[in-house]
Amino acid sequence: MTLTRELSVDAEKIRALLRRQKVATMPELKEALGTSVDMTVFRKLRDLCYRTSYSHSGRYYTLEEIARFDALGLWSFRSIWFSKHDTLLRTCEALVQEAEAGYFAEELTETLHVETRDALRKLVIEERVAREKLFGRFLYLAAEPGRAKEQLRARHVRVAEPGDLSFGRGVRVLPDDLKAAIVLFFALLDEKQRRLYAGLESIKYGHGGDARIAELLGLDPGTVARGRRELLSHDVEITGVRRKGGGRPRTEKKRRT
């Protein structure tokens, strides 16, 4: 009974320290507990939901309740970066898997704010991600071949688009005049065309495109995702838009008349 109470008190000491300064190093945690043994600190941390930074060689600690992870599962405090996926290796693996169009190494480095090339090489060796040479650089893709093929197609679509709507760490923004043009063109389409067009804009938009385009066009995100999947898998039935015999008469027929 006494032991349980002492453990609880020690855990609260760590919680109080981290709530006060958001992050802490191992020496700071040991000082708060009055111990010189790392293992003692780790035992107390296990009583809490804690995270270790993937930057700064994992020297910093925080609590799950303190971190405010963004859409990519990342959170930083004073340039110290944490991930809901824990280590840098697992974070790289998860982001590559979830990416709409894979990642080039420099893109992932910019997103995570730490160098990622060594981690990506290790993941390739362990067959946890795949890679494909594209434009003289390696594009890192999901390990599952079907998913990797979808990502590669999406990357080709994105590269083919003129201009760049990127605005930092995977966030993409649309100017108001472009939004208005998209909505106007969307209103001219039939149901199937709307779904496919929304899917195309989602591919061009990148990460988070399904939700953003759905909000812009007043669609269910599942509908946008379906259109995107149909385009990436080439599962689209091509049908004519004119009825047989429609259009302007041929020159020969006009002459006979």
Protein backbone atom coordinates (compact mmCIF):
# COMPACT_ATOMS: atom_id res chain seq x y z
CA MET A 1 0.00 0.00 0.00
CA THR A 2 2.82 2.40 0.92
CA LEU A 3 4.76 1.46 -2.23
CA THR A 4 1.74 2.21 -4.47
CA ARG A 5 1.32 5.63 -2.83
CA GLU A 6 5.03 6.45 -3.30
CA LEU A 7 4.85 5.53 -6.99
CA SER A 8 1.81 7.75 -7.42
CA VAL A 9 3.58 10.66 -5.72
CA ASP A 10 6.64 10.23 -7.98
CA ALA A 11 4.47 10.12 -11.09
CA GLU A 12 2.77 13.33 -10.00
CA LYS A 13 6.17 14.99 -9.57
CA ILE A 14 6.98 14.20 -13.20
CA ARG A 15 3.54 15.33 -14.37
CA ALA A 16 3.88 18.61 -12.48
CA LEU A 17 7.32 19.27 -13.99
CA LEU A 18 6.17 18.54 -17.55
CA ARG A 19 2.97 20.53 -17.20
CA ARG A 20 5.06 23.46 -16.02
CA GLN A 21 7.70 23.41 -18.77
CA LYS A 22 6.07 21.17 -21.45
CA VAL A 23 9.23 19.12 -22.12
CA ALA A 24 12.14 17.88 -20.01
CA THR A 25 15.43 16.02 -20.37
CA MET A 26 16.42 12.94 -18.42
CA PRO A 27 18.70 14.96 -16.04
CA GLU A 28 15.77 17.26 -15.26
CA LEU A 29 13.46 14.32 -14.58
CA LYS A 30 16.04 12.66 -12.33
CA GLU A 31 16.46 15.88 -10.41
CA ALA A 32 12.70 16.15 -9.93
CA LEU A 33 12.63 12.61 -8.49
CA GLY A 34 15.84 12.95 -6.49
CA THR A 35 17.47 9.95 -8.17
CA SER A 36 20.56 9.34 -10.29
CA VAL A 37 19.22 6.17 -11.95
CA ASP A 38 17.64 6.38 -15.45
CA MET A 39 15.68 3.17 -14.91
CA THR A 40 13.92 4.67 -11.91
CA VAL A 41 12.68 7.54 -14.08
CA PHE A 42 11.49 5.17 -16.80
CA ARG A 43 9.52 3.15 -14.25
CA LYS A 44 7.74 6.31 -13.14
CA LEU A 45 7.19 7.45 -16.73
CA ARG A 46 5.44 4.13 -17.45
CA ASP A 47 2.75 5.20 -14.98
CA LEU A 48 2.04 8.07 -17.39
CA CYS A 49 1.38 8.23 -21.13
CA TYR A 50 4.66 9.80 -22.22
CA ARG A 51 6.36 10.55 -25.53
CA THR A 52 10.03 10.79 -26.48
CA SER A 53 11.14 13.34 -29.07
CA TYR A 54 12.16 12.03 -32.47
CA SER A 55 14.39 15.09 -32.90
CA HIS A 56 17.45 15.96 -30.76
CA SER A 57 18.40 12.26 -30.59
CA GLY A 58 15.38 11.48 -28.40
CA ARG A 59 16.67 13.55 -25.46
CA TYR A 60 13.34 15.16 -24.57
CA TYR A 61 10.19 13.82 -22.95
CA THR A 62 6.61 15.08 -22.77
CA LEU A 63 3.16 13.73 -21.89
CA GLU A 64 0.40 12.63 -24.24
CA GLU A 65 -1.93 15.06 -22.50
CA ILE A 66 0.40 17.97 -23.29
CA ALA A 67 1.15 17.26 -26.95
CA ARG A 68 -1.24 18.71 -29.53
CA PHE A 69 -0.62 16.56 -32.59
CA ASP A 70 -1.54 17.97 -36.00
CA ALA A 71 -3.09 16.13 -38.97
CA LEU A 72 0.25 14.42 -39.66
CA GLY A 73 0.59 13.32 -36.04
CA LEU A 74 3.35 15.84 -35.25
CA TRP A 75 3.82 18.36 -32.44
CA SER A 76 6.68 20.66 -31.55
CA PHE A 77 7.72 22.84 -28.64
CA ARG A 78 10.64 25.22 -29.09
CA SER A 79 11.82 23.30 -32.17
CA ILE A 80 11.70 19.98 -30.30
CA TRP A 81 9.60 17.55 -32.35
CA PHE A 82 7.37 14.70 -31.18
CA SER A 83 5.26 12.22 -33.13
CA LYS A 84 2.27 10.08 -32.27
CA HIS A 85 4.21 7.32 -34.07
CA ASP A 86 7.06 7.69 -31.52
CA THR A 87 10.45 7.16 -33.21
CA LEU A 88 11.75 8.83 -36.35
CA LEU A 89 11.86 5.46 -38.12
CA ARG A 90 8.21 4.66 -37.37
CA THR A 91 7.17 8.21 -38.21
CA CYS A 92 8.85 8.05 -41.63
CA GLU A 93 7.23 4.69 -42.29
CA ALA A 94 3.76 5.93 -41.31
CA LEU A 95 3.95 9.17 -43.30
CA VAL A 96 5.20 7.42 -46.43
CA GLN A 97 2.41 4.85 -46.12
CA GLU A 98 -0.28 7.52 -45.65
CA ALA A 99 1.04 9.98 -48.27
CA GLU A 100 -1.19 10.53 -51.30
CA ALA A 101 1.76 10.63 -53.69
CA GLY A 102 4.69 9.26 -51.68
CA TYR A 103 7.62 11.41 -50.55
CA PHE A 104 10.95 12.46 -51.94
CA ALA A 105 13.58 12.47 -49.18
CA GLU A 106 13.89 16.25 -49.17
CA GLU A 107 10.11 16.62 -48.86
CA LEU A 108 10.00 14.34 -45.85
CA THR A 109 12.99 16.11 -44.31
CA GLU A 110 11.20 19.45 -44.69
CA THR A 111 8.01 17.99 -43.21
CA LEU A 112 9.72 16.43 -40.17
CA HIS A 113 12.35 19.14 -39.68
CA VAL A 114 15.10 16.54 -39.29
CA GLU A 115 17.27 14.67 -41.79
CA THR A 116 15.45 11.53 -42.98
CA ARG A 117 17.72 9.94 -45.60
CA ASP A 118 19.34 7.40 -43.25
CA ALA A 119 15.94 6.42 -41.82
CA LEU A 120 14.49 5.97 -45.32
CA ARG A 121 17.46 3.81 -46.39
CA LYS A 122 16.98 1.59 -43.34
CA LEU A 123 13.25 1.25 -44.06
CA VAL A 124 14.00 0.22 -47.67
CA ILE A 125 16.57 -2.37 -46.52
CA GLU A 126 14.03 -3.79 -44.06
CA GLU A 127 11.37 -3.71 -46.84
CA ARG A 128 9.07 -1.53 -44.74
CA VAL A 129 8.83 1.02 -47.57
CA ALA A 130 9.51 0.81 -51.31
CA ARG A 131 11.18 3.31 -53.62
CA GLU A 132 11.03 4.15 -57.31
CA LYS A 133 13.42 6.32 -59.30
CA LEU A 134 11.56 9.29 -60.72
CA PHE A 135 13.15 12.30 -62.43
CA GLY A 136 16.57 11.20 -61.23
CA ARG A 137 15.50 10.99 -57.57
CA PHE A 138 14.07 8.24 -55.38
CA LEU A 139 10.39 8.54 -54.57
CA TYR A 140 9.58 6.62 -51.39
CA LEU A 141 6.33 4.64 -51.48
CA ALA A 142 4.28 2.25 -49.38
CA ALA A 143 5.60 -1.31 -49.13
CA GLU A 144 2.34 -2.81 -50.42
CA PRO A 145 2.61 -2.90 -54.26
CA GLY A 146 -0.99 -1.88 -54.97
CA ARG A 147 -0.78 1.13 -52.67
CA ALA A 148 2.63 2.08 -54.09
CA LYS A 149 1.20 2.01 -57.62
CA GLU A 150 -1.60 4.39 -56.59
CA GLN A 151 0.92 6.76 -55.00
CA LEU A 152 3.11 6.72 -58.12
CA ARG A 153 0.14 7.57 -60.35
CA ALA A 154 -0.85 10.39 -58.03
CA ARG A 155 2.70 11.75 -58.16
CA HIS A 156 2.64 11.76 -61.98
CA VAL A 157 -0.64 13.70 -61.89
CA ARG A 158 0.77 16.21 -59.42
CA VAL A 159 3.99 16.74 -61.39
CA ALA A 160 1.97 17.27 -64.59
CA GLU A 161 -0.01 20.12 -63.00
CA PRO A 162 1.33 23.61 -63.74
CA GLY A 163 2.17 25.83 -60.78
CA ASP A 164 2.52 24.87 -57.16
CA LEU A 165 -0.20 25.33 -54.57
CA SER A 166 1.97 24.06 -51.71
CA PHE A 167 2.23 26.27 -48.65
CA GLY A 168 4.53 24.64 -46.12
CA ARG A 169 4.53 21.17 -44.49
CA GLY A 170 2.05 19.50 -46.81
CA VAL A 171 -0.57 22.25 -46.48
CA ARG A 172 -2.05 23.30 -49.79
CA VAL A 173 -4.06 26.46 -50.34
CA LEU A 174 -6.41 27.51 -53.13
CA PRO A 175 -6.82 31.16 -54.14
CA ASP A 176 -10.41 32.47 -53.97
CA ASP A 177 -10.70 32.93 -57.74
CA LEU A 178 -9.59 29.34 -58.32
CA LYS A 179 -12.11 28.10 -55.74
CA ALA A 180 -14.88 29.99 -57.55
CA ALA A 181 -13.83 28.51 -60.90
CA ILE A 182 -13.81 24.99 -59.45
CA VAL A 183 -17.28 25.40 -57.95
CA LEU A 184 -18.67 26.88 -61.19
CA PHE A 185 -17.25 24.10 -63.37
CA PHE A 186 -18.42 21.48 -60.87
CA ALA A 187 -22.01 22.75 -61.19
CA LEU A 188 -21.98 21.97 -64.94
CA LEU A 189 -21.22 18.26 -64.49
CA ASP A 190 -23.44 15.25 -64.02
CA GLU A 191 -23.24 13.05 -60.90
CA LYS A 192 -20.50 10.70 -62.14
CA GLN A 193 -18.43 13.52 -63.60
CA ARG A 194 -18.72 15.46 -60.33
CA ARG A 195 -17.39 12.52 -58.34
CA LEU A 196 -14.45 12.00 -60.71
CA TYR A 197 -13.66 15.71 -60.93
CA ALA A 198 -13.71 16.00 -57.14
CA GLY A 199 -11.36 13.00 -56.98
CA LEU A 200 -8.99 14.64 -59.47
CA GLU A 201 -8.87 17.89 -57.49
CA SER A 202 -8.22 15.87 -54.33
CA ILE A 203 -5.23 14.16 -55.99
CA LYS A 204 -3.86 17.53 -57.09
CA TYR A 205 -4.44 19.00 -53.64
CA GLY A 206 -2.42 16.31 -51.89
CA HIS A 207 -2.58 15.27 -48.24
CA GLY A 208 -6.00 16.02 -46.74
CA GLY A 209 -7.47 16.66 -50.19
CA ASP A 210 -10.59 14.51 -49.71
CA ALA A 211 -11.81 16.54 -46.74
CA ARG A 212 -10.84 19.93 -48.20
CA ILE A 213 -12.43 19.33 -51.61
CA ALA A 214 -15.53 17.78 -50.00
CA GLU A 215 -15.95 20.92 -47.88
CA LEU A 216 -15.45 23.19 -50.90
CA LEU A 217 -17.93 21.35 -53.13
CA GLY A 218 -20.45 20.30 -50.48
CA LEU A 219 -19.80 16.58 -50.93
CA ASP A 220 -19.31 13.67 -48.58
CA PRO A 221 -15.55 12.96 -48.19
CA GLY A 222 -16.30 9.32 -49.01
CA THR A 223 -17.62 10.38 -52.42
CA VAL A 224 -14.45 12.34 -53.12
CA ALA A 225 -12.31 9.40 -51.97
CA ARG A 226 -14.27 7.06 -54.25
CA GLY A 227 -13.67 9.31 -57.26
CA ARG A 228 -9.98 9.55 -56.39
CA ARG A 229 -9.65 5.77 -56.10
CA GLU A 230 -11.47 5.22 -59.41
CA LEU A 231 -9.07 7.57 -61.20
CA LEU A 232 -5.92 6.15 -59.62
CA SER A 233 -6.97 2.57 -60.35
CA HIS A 234 -8.19 3.48 -63.87
CA ASP A 235 -11.55 1.96 -62.91
CA VAL A 236 -13.58 4.40 -65.02
CA GLU A 237 -16.03 3.39 -67.73
CA ILE A 238 -15.54 5.61 -70.77
CA THR A 239 -18.87 6.35 -72.43
CA GLY A 240 -19.71 8.74 -75.26
CA VAL A 241 -21.51 11.96 -74.49
CA ARG A 242 -23.26 12.26 -77.86
CA ARG A 243 -26.02 10.02 -79.04
CA LYS A 244 -25.32 8.11 -82.25
CA GLY A 245 -25.89 10.31 -85.27
CA GLY A 246 -25.54 13.51 -83.27
CA GLY A 247 -23.31 16.46 -84.14
CA ARG A 248 -22.84 18.30 -87.42
CA PRO A 249 -23.52 16.31 -90.61
CA ARG A 250 -20.48 15.20 -92.58
CA THR A 251 -19.49 17.20 -95.67
CA GLU A 252 -20.39 14.41 -98.12
CA LYS A 253 -23.89 14.08 -96.69
CA LYS A 254 -24.47 17.83 -96.96
CA ARG A 255 -23.35 17.79 -100.58
CA ARG A 256 -25.74 14.95 -101.51
CA THR A 257 -28.57 16.83 -99.89
